[in-house]
Structures are given as structure tokens and as C-alpha cells.
Amino acid sequence: MRARERAALATLARVARALNAAGVRWAVGSSLMLFLRGATARFADVDLVIDRRDAQRAHAALCGALACRDLRF
């Protein structure tokens, strides 16, 4: 695993803890999902799927865990 992928997974762990603590329904998708299931050797980026009803709660949780940007709903 490349350093960039290790860093992305470490960031995902922080994101997961924040979303789970806030009770947000979420999942990974695309190439990362395939990577985690062993279907591919690499992933390109981290795609998250978040329940629309949890969007504002997810935004607040992510702002607490990572740098926050203006986001409109």
C-alpha cells in the first residue's frame, strides 16, 4: 500500500469516528469499497455516501474532525 493510500485510510478512520459518534448513517463507495472488499489492489479516492436526512449532522461532525468549508444544503 502506498503512503497516499495509508494517509487516506487514516483520515477515513477519523471521519468514521466522527460520523459514528454523531449517529450519521454512512457508507464508503466506489473504488475504496472495492479495495476494502479485496476486489482491487488500489483505490483512487474516498467516496462517502451519507443519508440525506443526516446531511447537516454529518457536516457538523466533519467540521469538528477536519477542516470545515462552507457547505450549502
PDB file of N, CA and C in Angstrom:
ATOM      1  N   MET A   1       0.842  -1.178   0.000  1.00  0.00           N
ATOM      2  CA  MET A   1       0.000   0.000   0.000  1.00  0.00           C
ATOM      3  C   MET A   1       0.885   1.238   0.000  1.00  0.00           C
ATOM      4  N   ARG A   2       0.528   2.178  -0.844  1.00  0.00           N
ATOM      5  CA  ARG A   2       1.302   3.415  -0.958  1.00  0.00           C
ATOM      6  C   ARG A   2       1.018   4.351   0.212  1.00  0.00           C
ATOM      7  N   ALA A   3       1.945   5.288   0.436  1.00  0.00           N
ATOM      8  CA  ALA A   3       1.818   6.248   1.539  1.00  0.00           C
ATOM      9  C   ALA A   3       0.541   7.072   1.411  1.00  0.00           C
ATOM     10  N   ARG A   4       0.186   7.447   0.188  1.00  0.00           N
ATOM     11  CA  ARG A   4      -1.030   8.236  -0.024  1.00  0.00           C
ATOM     12  C   ARG A   4      -2.267   7.452   0.396  1.00  0.00           C
ATOM     13  N   GLU A   5      -2.273   6.171   0.102  1.00  0.00           N
ATOM     14  CA  GLU A   5      -3.406   5.328   0.484  1.00  0.00           C
ATOM     15  C   GLU A   5      -3.462   5.147   2.001  1.00  0.00           C
ATOM     16  N   ARG A   6      -2.302   4.978   2.636  1.00  0.00           N
ATOM     17  CA  ARG A   6      -2.277   4.870   4.103  1.00  0.00           C
ATOM     18  C   ARG A   6      -2.806   6.142   4.742  1.00  0.00           C
ATOM     19  N   ALA A   7      -2.416   7.300   4.200  1.00  0.00           N
ATOM     20  CA  ALA A   7      -2.891   8.569   4.740  1.00  0.00           C
ATOM     21  C   ALA A   7      -4.400   8.717   4.540  1.00  0.00           C
ATOM     22  N   ALA A   8      -4.898   8.299   3.393  1.00  0.00           N
ATOM     23  CA  ALA A   8      -6.345   8.377   3.133  1.00  0.00           C
ATOM     24  C   ALA A   8      -7.113   7.488   4.091  1.00  0.00           C
ATOM     25  N   LEU A   9      -6.603   6.303   4.369  1.00  0.00           N
ATOM     26  CA  LEU A   9      -7.284   5.405   5.305  1.00  0.00           C
ATOM     27  C   LEU A   9      -7.235   5.935   6.733  1.00  0.00           C
ATOM     28  N   ALA A  10      -6.143   6.594   7.103  1.00  0.00           N
ATOM     29  CA  ALA A  10      -6.062   7.209   8.432  1.00  0.00           C
ATOM     30  C   ALA A  10      -7.086   8.333   8.556  1.00  0.00           C
ATOM     31  N   THR A  11      -7.236   9.121   7.504  1.00  0.00           N
ATOM     32  CA  THR A  11      -8.245  10.187   7.504  1.00  0.00           C
ATOM     33  C   THR A  11      -9.643   9.587   7.548  1.00  0.00           C
ATOM     34  N   LEU A  12      -9.861   8.527   6.800  1.00  0.00           N
ATOM     35  CA  LEU A  12     -11.157   7.854   6.830  1.00  0.00           C
ATOM     36  C   LEU A  12     -11.492   7.368   8.237  1.00  0.00           C
ATOM     37  N   ALA A  13     -10.506   6.867   8.971  1.00  0.00           N
ATOM     38  CA  ALA A  13     -10.745   6.414  10.343  1.00  0.00           C
ATOM     39  C   ALA A  13     -11.218   7.574  11.212  1.00  0.00           C
ATOM     40  N   ARG A  14     -10.606   8.742  11.053  1.00  0.00           N
ATOM     41  CA  ARG A  14     -11.044   9.938  11.808  1.00  0.00           C
ATOM     42  C   ARG A  14     -12.468  10.310  11.431  1.00  0.00           C
ATOM     43  N   VAL A  15     -12.753  10.293  10.136  1.00  0.00           N
ATOM     44  CA  VAL A  15     -14.091  10.621   9.641  1.00  0.00           C
ATOM     45  C   VAL A  15     -15.107   9.621  10.179  1.00  0.00           C
ATOM     46  N   ALA A  16     -14.775   8.347  10.126  1.00  0.00           N
ATOM     47  CA  ALA A  16     -15.684   7.304  10.608  1.00  0.00           C
ATOM     48  C   ALA A  16     -16.013   7.500  12.083  1.00  0.00           C
ATOM     49  N   ARG A  17     -15.003   7.780  12.890  1.00  0.00           N
ATOM     50  CA  ARG A  17     -15.255   8.005  14.321  1.00  0.00           C
ATOM     51  C   ARG A  17     -16.192   9.186  14.527  1.00  0.00           C
ATOM     52  N   ALA A  18     -15.978  10.269  13.787  1.00  0.00           N
ATOM     53  CA  ALA A  18     -16.823  11.460  13.940  1.00  0.00           C
ATOM     54  C   ALA A  18     -18.257  11.191  13.485  1.00  0.00           C
ATOM     55  N   LEU A  19     -18.413  10.551  12.346  1.00  0.00           N
ATOM     56  CA  LEU A  19     -19.760  10.268  11.843  1.00  0.00           C
ATOM     57  C   LEU A  19     -20.488   9.280  12.749  1.00  0.00           C
ATOM     58  N   ASN A  20     -19.801   8.250  13.192  1.00  0.00           N
ATOM     59  CA  ASN A  20     -20.426   7.268  14.080  1.00  0.00           C
ATOM     60  C   ASN A  20     -20.839   7.901  15.407  1.00  0.00           C
ATOM     61  N   ALA A  21     -19.976   8.747  15.953  1.00  0.00           N
ATOM     62  CA  ALA A  21     -20.292   9.414  17.225  1.00  0.00           C
ATOM     63  C   ALA A  21     -21.529  10.303  17.094  1.00  0.00           C
ATOM     64  N   ALA A  22     -21.729  10.860  15.902  1.00  0.00           N
ATOM     65  CA  ALA A  22     -22.881  11.735  15.665  1.00  0.00           C
ATOM     66  C   ALA A  22     -24.131  10.956  15.241  1.00  0.00           C
ATOM     67  N   GLY A  23     -24.004   9.651  15.107  1.00  0.00           N
ATOM     68  CA  GLY A  23     -25.158   8.840  14.714  1.00  0.00           C
ATOM     69  C   GLY A  23     -25.547   8.984  13.256  1.00  0.00           C
ATOM     70  N   VAL A  24     -24.592   9.343  12.416  1.00  0.00           N
ATOM     71  CA  VAL A  24     -24.843   9.542  10.988  1.00  0.00           C
ATOM     72  C   VAL A  24     -24.817   8.187  10.268  1.00  0.00           C
ATOM     73  N   ARG A  25     -25.786   7.974   9.375  1.00  0.00           N
ATOM     74  CA  ARG A  25     -25.790   6.774   8.526  1.00  0.00           C
ATOM     75  C   ARG A  25     -24.929   7.071   7.306  1.00  0.00           C
ATOM     76  N   TRP A  26     -23.900   6.235   7.090  1.00  0.00           N
ATOM     77  CA  TRP A  26     -22.964   6.481   6.006  1.00  0.00           C
ATOM     78  C   TRP A  26     -22.361   5.173   5.527  1.00  0.00           C
ATOM     79  N   ALA A  27     -21.722   5.228   4.377  1.00  0.00           N
ATOM     80  CA  ALA A  27     -21.023   4.078   3.803  1.00  0.00           C
ATOM     81  C   ALA A  27     -19.936   4.585   2.869  1.00  0.00           C
ATOM     82  N   VAL A  28     -18.946   3.742   2.607  1.00  0.00           N
ATOM     83  CA  VAL A  28     -17.955   4.061   1.580  1.00  0.00           C
ATOM     84  C   VAL A  28     -18.461   3.515   0.252  1.00  0.00           C
ATOM     85  N   GLY A  29     -17.990   4.111  -0.824  1.00  0.00           N
ATOM     86  CA  GLY A  29     -18.412   3.668  -2.144  1.00  0.00           C
ATOM     87  C   GLY A  29     -17.254   3.648  -3.118  1.00  0.00           C
ATOM     88  N   SER A  30     -17.549   3.266  -4.322  1.00  0.00           N
ATOM     89  CA  SER A  30     -16.633   3.284  -5.468  1.00  0.00           C
ATOM     90  C   SER A  30     -15.379   2.463  -5.234  1.00  0.00           C
ATOM     91  N   SER A  31     -14.229   2.997  -5.654  1.00  0.00           N
ATOM     92  CA  SER A  31     -13.003   2.208  -5.649  1.00  0.00           C
ATOM     93  C   SER A  31     -12.557   1.818  -4.240  1.00  0.00           C
ATOM     94  N   LEU A  32     -12.822   2.644  -3.233  1.00  0.00           N
ATOM     95  CA  LEU A  32     -12.432   2.281  -1.872  1.00  0.00           C
ATOM     96  C   LEU A  32     -13.256   1.093  -1.382  1.00  0.00           C
ATOM     97  N   MET A  33     -14.529   1.069  -1.689  1.00  0.00           N
ATOM     98  CA  MET A  33     -15.367  -0.064  -1.311  1.00  0.00           C
ATOM     99  C   MET A  33     -14.814  -1.352  -1.935  1.00  0.00           C
ATOM    100  N   LEU A  34     -14.463  -1.279  -3.209  1.00  0.00           N
ATOM    101  CA  LEU A  34     -13.895  -2.452  -3.885  1.00  0.00           C
ATOM    102  C   LEU A  34     -12.563  -2.862  -3.262  1.00  0.00           C
ATOM    103  N   PHE A  35     -11.737  -1.888  -2.906  1.00  0.00           N
ATOM    104  CA  PHE A  35     -10.451  -2.154  -2.261  1.00  0.00           C
ATOM    105  C   PHE A  35     -10.659  -2.848  -0.918  1.00  0.00           C
ATOM    106  N   LEU A  36     -11.574  -2.326  -0.104  1.00  0.00           N
ATOM    107  CA  LEU A  36     -11.817  -2.899   1.218  1.00  0.00           C
ATOM    108  C   LEU A  36     -12.402  -4.312   1.140  1.00  0.00           C
ATOM    109  N   ARG A  37     -13.074  -4.621   0.059  1.00  0.00           N
ATOM    110  CA  ARG A  37     -13.636  -5.963  -0.137  1.00  0.00           C
ATOM    111  C   ARG A  37     -12.661  -6.897  -0.857  1.00  0.00           C
ATOM    112  N   GLY A  38     -11.448  -6.395  -1.186  1.00  0.00           N
ATOM    113  CA  GLY A  38     -10.435  -7.223  -1.817  1.00  0.00           C
ATOM    114  C   GLY A  38     -10.620  -7.420  -3.309  1.00  0.00           C
ATOM    115  N   ALA A  39     -11.484  -6.620  -3.931  1.00  0.00           N
ATOM    116  CA  ALA A  39     -11.757  -6.773  -5.361  1.00  0.00           C
ATOM    117  C   ALA A  39     -10.767  -6.021  -6.241  1.00  0.00           C
ATOM    118  N   THR A  40      -9.995  -5.114  -5.653  1.00  0.00           N
ATOM    119  CA  THR A  40      -8.998  -4.355  -6.402  1.00  0.00           C
ATOM    120  C   THR A  40      -7.805  -4.090  -5.486  1.00  0.00           C
ATOM    121  N   ALA A  41      -6.651  -3.879  -6.074  1.00  0.00           N
ATOM    122  CA  ALA A  41      -5.430  -3.675  -5.292  1.00  0.00           C
ATOM    123  C   ALA A  41      -5.202  -2.227  -4.889  1.00  0.00           C
ATOM    124  N   ARG A  42      -5.887  -1.295  -5.524  1.00  0.00           N
ATOM    125  CA  ARG A  42      -5.697   0.142  -5.263  1.00  0.00           C
ATOM    126  C   ARG A  42      -7.034   0.853  -5.254  1.00  0.00           C
ATOM    127  N   PHE A  43      -7.035   2.043  -4.654  1.00  0.00           N
ATOM    128  CA  PHE A  43      -8.218   2.903  -4.741  1.00  0.00           C
ATOM    129  C   PHE A  43      -7.778   4.307  -5.119  1.00  0.00           C
ATOM    130  N   ALA A  44      -8.649   5.009  -5.804  1.00  0.00           N
ATOM    131  CA  ALA A  44      -8.300   6.327  -6.349  1.00  0.00           C
ATOM    132  C   ALA A  44      -8.574   7.458  -5.368  1.00  0.00           C
ATOM    133  N   ASP A  45      -9.673   7.336  -4.617  1.00  0.00           N
ATOM    134  CA  ASP A  45     -10.067   8.392  -3.699  1.00  0.00           C
ATOM    135  C   ASP A  45     -11.033   7.808  -2.685  1.00  0.00           C
ATOM    136  N   VAL A  46     -11.550   8.645  -1.823  1.00  0.00           N
ATOM    137  CA  VAL A  46     -12.500   8.199  -0.802  1.00  0.00           C
ATOM    138  C   VAL A  46     -13.847   8.839  -1.110  1.00  0.00           C
ATOM    139  N   ASP A  47     -14.813   7.984  -1.432  1.00  0.00           N
ATOM    140  CA  ASP A  47     -16.181   8.442  -1.681  1.00  0.00           C
ATOM    141  C   ASP A  47     -17.058   7.984  -0.533  1.00  0.00           C
ATOM    142  N   LEU A  48     -17.787   8.922   0.051  1.00  0.00           N
ATOM    143  CA  LEU A  48     -18.716   8.602   1.129  1.00  0.00           C
ATOM    144  C   LEU A  48     -20.139   8.832   0.652  1.00  0.00           C
ATOM    145  N   VAL A  49     -21.014   7.960   1.085  1.00  0.00           N
ATOM    146  CA  VAL A  49     -22.446   8.110   0.834  1.00  0.00           C
ATOM    147  C   VAL A  49     -23.076   8.370   2.197  1.00  0.00           C
ATOM    148  N   ILE A  50     -23.805   9.479   2.294  1.00  0.00           N
ATOM    149  CA  ILE A  50     -24.424   9.871   3.558  1.00  0.00           C
ATOM    150  C   ILE A  50     -25.919  10.041   3.335  1.00  0.00           C
ATOM    151  N   ASP A  51     -26.695   9.492   4.254  1.00  0.00           N
ATOM    152  CA  ASP A  51     -28.144   9.636   4.176  1.00  0.00           C
ATOM    153  C   ASP A  51     -28.498  11.122   4.166  1.00  0.00           C
ATOM    154  N   ARG A  52     -29.306  11.512   3.207  1.00  0.00           N
ATOM    155  CA  ARG A  52     -29.672  12.922   3.051  1.00  0.00           C
ATOM    156  C   ARG A  52     -30.247  13.518   4.345  1.00  0.00           C
ATOM    157  N   ARG A  53     -30.981  12.711   5.097  1.00  0.00           N
ATOM    158  CA  ARG A  53     -31.578  13.211   6.350  1.00  0.00           C
ATOM    159  C   ARG A  53     -30.514  13.526   7.392  1.00  0.00           C
ATOM    160  N   ASP A  54     -29.319  12.998   7.224  1.00  0.00           N
ATOM    161  CA  ASP A  54     -28.232  13.230   8.174  1.00  0.00           C
ATOM    162  C   ASP A  54     -27.214  14.257   7.673  1.00  0.00           C
ATOM    163  N   ALA A  55     -27.513  14.933   6.577  1.00  0.00           N
ATOM    164  CA  ALA A  55     -26.524  15.813   5.941  1.00  0.00           C
ATOM    165  C   ALA A  55     -26.025  16.911   6.871  1.00  0.00           C
ATOM    166  N   GLN A  56     -26.909  17.596   7.546  1.00  0.00           N
ATOM    167  CA  GLN A  56     -26.455  18.693   8.413  1.00  0.00           C
ATOM    168  C   GLN A  56     -25.686  18.164   9.617  1.00  0.00           C
ATOM    169  N   ARG A  57     -26.128  17.045  10.171  1.00  0.00           N
ATOM    170  CA  ARG A  57     -25.416  16.437  11.293  1.00  0.00           C
ATOM    171  C   ARG A  57     -24.036  15.948  10.841  1.00  0.00           C
ATOM    172  N   ALA A  58     -23.958  15.388   9.632  1.00  0.00           N
ATOM    173  CA  ALA A  58     -22.677  14.939   9.090  1.00  0.00           C
ATOM    174  C   ALA A  58     -21.734  16.122   8.894  1.00  0.00           C
ATOM    175  N   HIS A  59     -22.268  17.211   8.375  1.00  0.00           N
ATOM    176  CA  HIS A  59     -21.439  18.399   8.171  1.00  0.00           C
ATOM    177  C   HIS A  59     -20.867  18.889   9.494  1.00  0.00           C
ATOM    178  N   ALA A  60     -21.697  18.961  10.504  1.00  0.00           N
ATOM    179  CA  ALA A  60     -21.229  19.416  11.819  1.00  0.00           C
ATOM    180  C   ALA A  60     -20.168  18.463  12.374  1.00  0.00           C
ATOM    181  N   ALA A  61     -20.387  17.166  12.231  1.00  0.00           N
ATOM    182  CA  ALA A  61     -19.420  16.185  12.734  1.00  0.00           C
ATOM    183  C   ALA A  61     -18.094  16.298  12.000  1.00  0.00           C
ATOM    184  N   LEU A  62     -18.155  16.469  10.687  1.00  0.00           N
ATOM    185  CA  LEU A  62     -16.925  16.574   9.903  1.00  0.00           C
ATOM    186  C   LEU A  62     -16.191  17.875  10.182  1.00  0.00           C
ATOM    187  N   CYS A  63     -16.920  18.941  10.436  1.00  0.00           N
ATOM    188  CA  CYS A  63     -16.269  20.204  10.776  1.00  0.00           C
ATOM    189  C   CYS A  63     -15.504  20.084  12.090  1.00  0.00           C
ATOM    190  N   GLY A  64     -16.016  19.247  12.983  1.00  0.00           N
ATOM    191  CA  GLY A  64     -15.320  19.026  14.244  1.00  0.00           C
ATOM    192  C   GLY A  64     -14.082  18.165  14.085  1.00  0.00           C
ATOM    193  N   ALA A  65     -14.074  17.284  13.081  1.00  0.00           N
ATOM    194  CA  ALA A  65     -12.969  16.336  12.909  1.00  0.00           C
ATOM    195  C   ALA A  65     -11.925  16.811  11.902  1.00  0.00           C
ATOM    196  N   LEU A  66     -12.336  17.620  10.942  1.00  0.00           N
ATOM    197  CA  LEU A  66     -11.463  18.058   9.850  1.00  0.00           C
ATOM    198  C   LEU A  66     -11.634  19.550   9.625  1.00  0.00           C
ATOM    199  N   ALA A  67     -10.872  20.100   8.709  1.00  0.00           N
ATOM    200  CA  ALA A  67     -11.050  21.497   8.334  1.00  0.00           C
ATOM    201  C   ALA A  67     -12.415  21.653   7.687  1.00  0.00           C
ATOM    202  N   CYS A  68     -13.137  22.681   8.053  1.00  0.00           N
ATOM    203  CA  CYS A  68     -14.507  22.878   7.573  1.00  0.00           C
ATOM    204  C   CYS A  68     -14.543  23.930   6.469  1.00  0.00           C
ATOM    205  N   ARG A  69     -15.341  23.637   5.454  1.00  0.00           N
ATOM    206  CA  ARG A  69     -15.577  24.590   4.367  1.00  0.00           C
ATOM    207  C   ARG A  69     -17.050  24.925   4.327  1.00  0.00           C
ATOM    208  N   ASP A  70     -17.362  26.033   3.728  1.00  0.00           N
ATOM    209  CA  ASP A  70     -18.762  26.422   3.576  1.00  0.00           C
ATOM    210  C   ASP A  70     -19.488  25.394   2.725  1.00  0.00           C
ATOM    211  N   LEU A  71     -20.590  24.901   3.211  1.00  0.00           N
ATOM    212  CA  LEU A  71     -21.364  23.895   2.514  1.00  0.00           C
ATOM    213  C   LEU A  71     -22.831  24.273   2.619  1.00  0.00           C
ATOM    214  N   ARG A  72     -23.512  24.287   1.496  1.00  0.00           N
ATOM    215  CA  ARG A  72     -24.922  24.640   1.491  1.00  0.00           C
ATOM    216  C   ARG A  72     -25.770  23.404   1.308  1.00  0.00           C
ATOM    217  N   PHE A  73     -26.918  23.397   1.956  1.00  0.00           N
ATOM    218  CA  PHE A  73     -27.854  22.280   1.834  1.00  0.00           C
ATOM    219  C   PHE A  73     -29.115  22.756   1.159  1.00  0.00           C
TER     220      PHE A  73
END
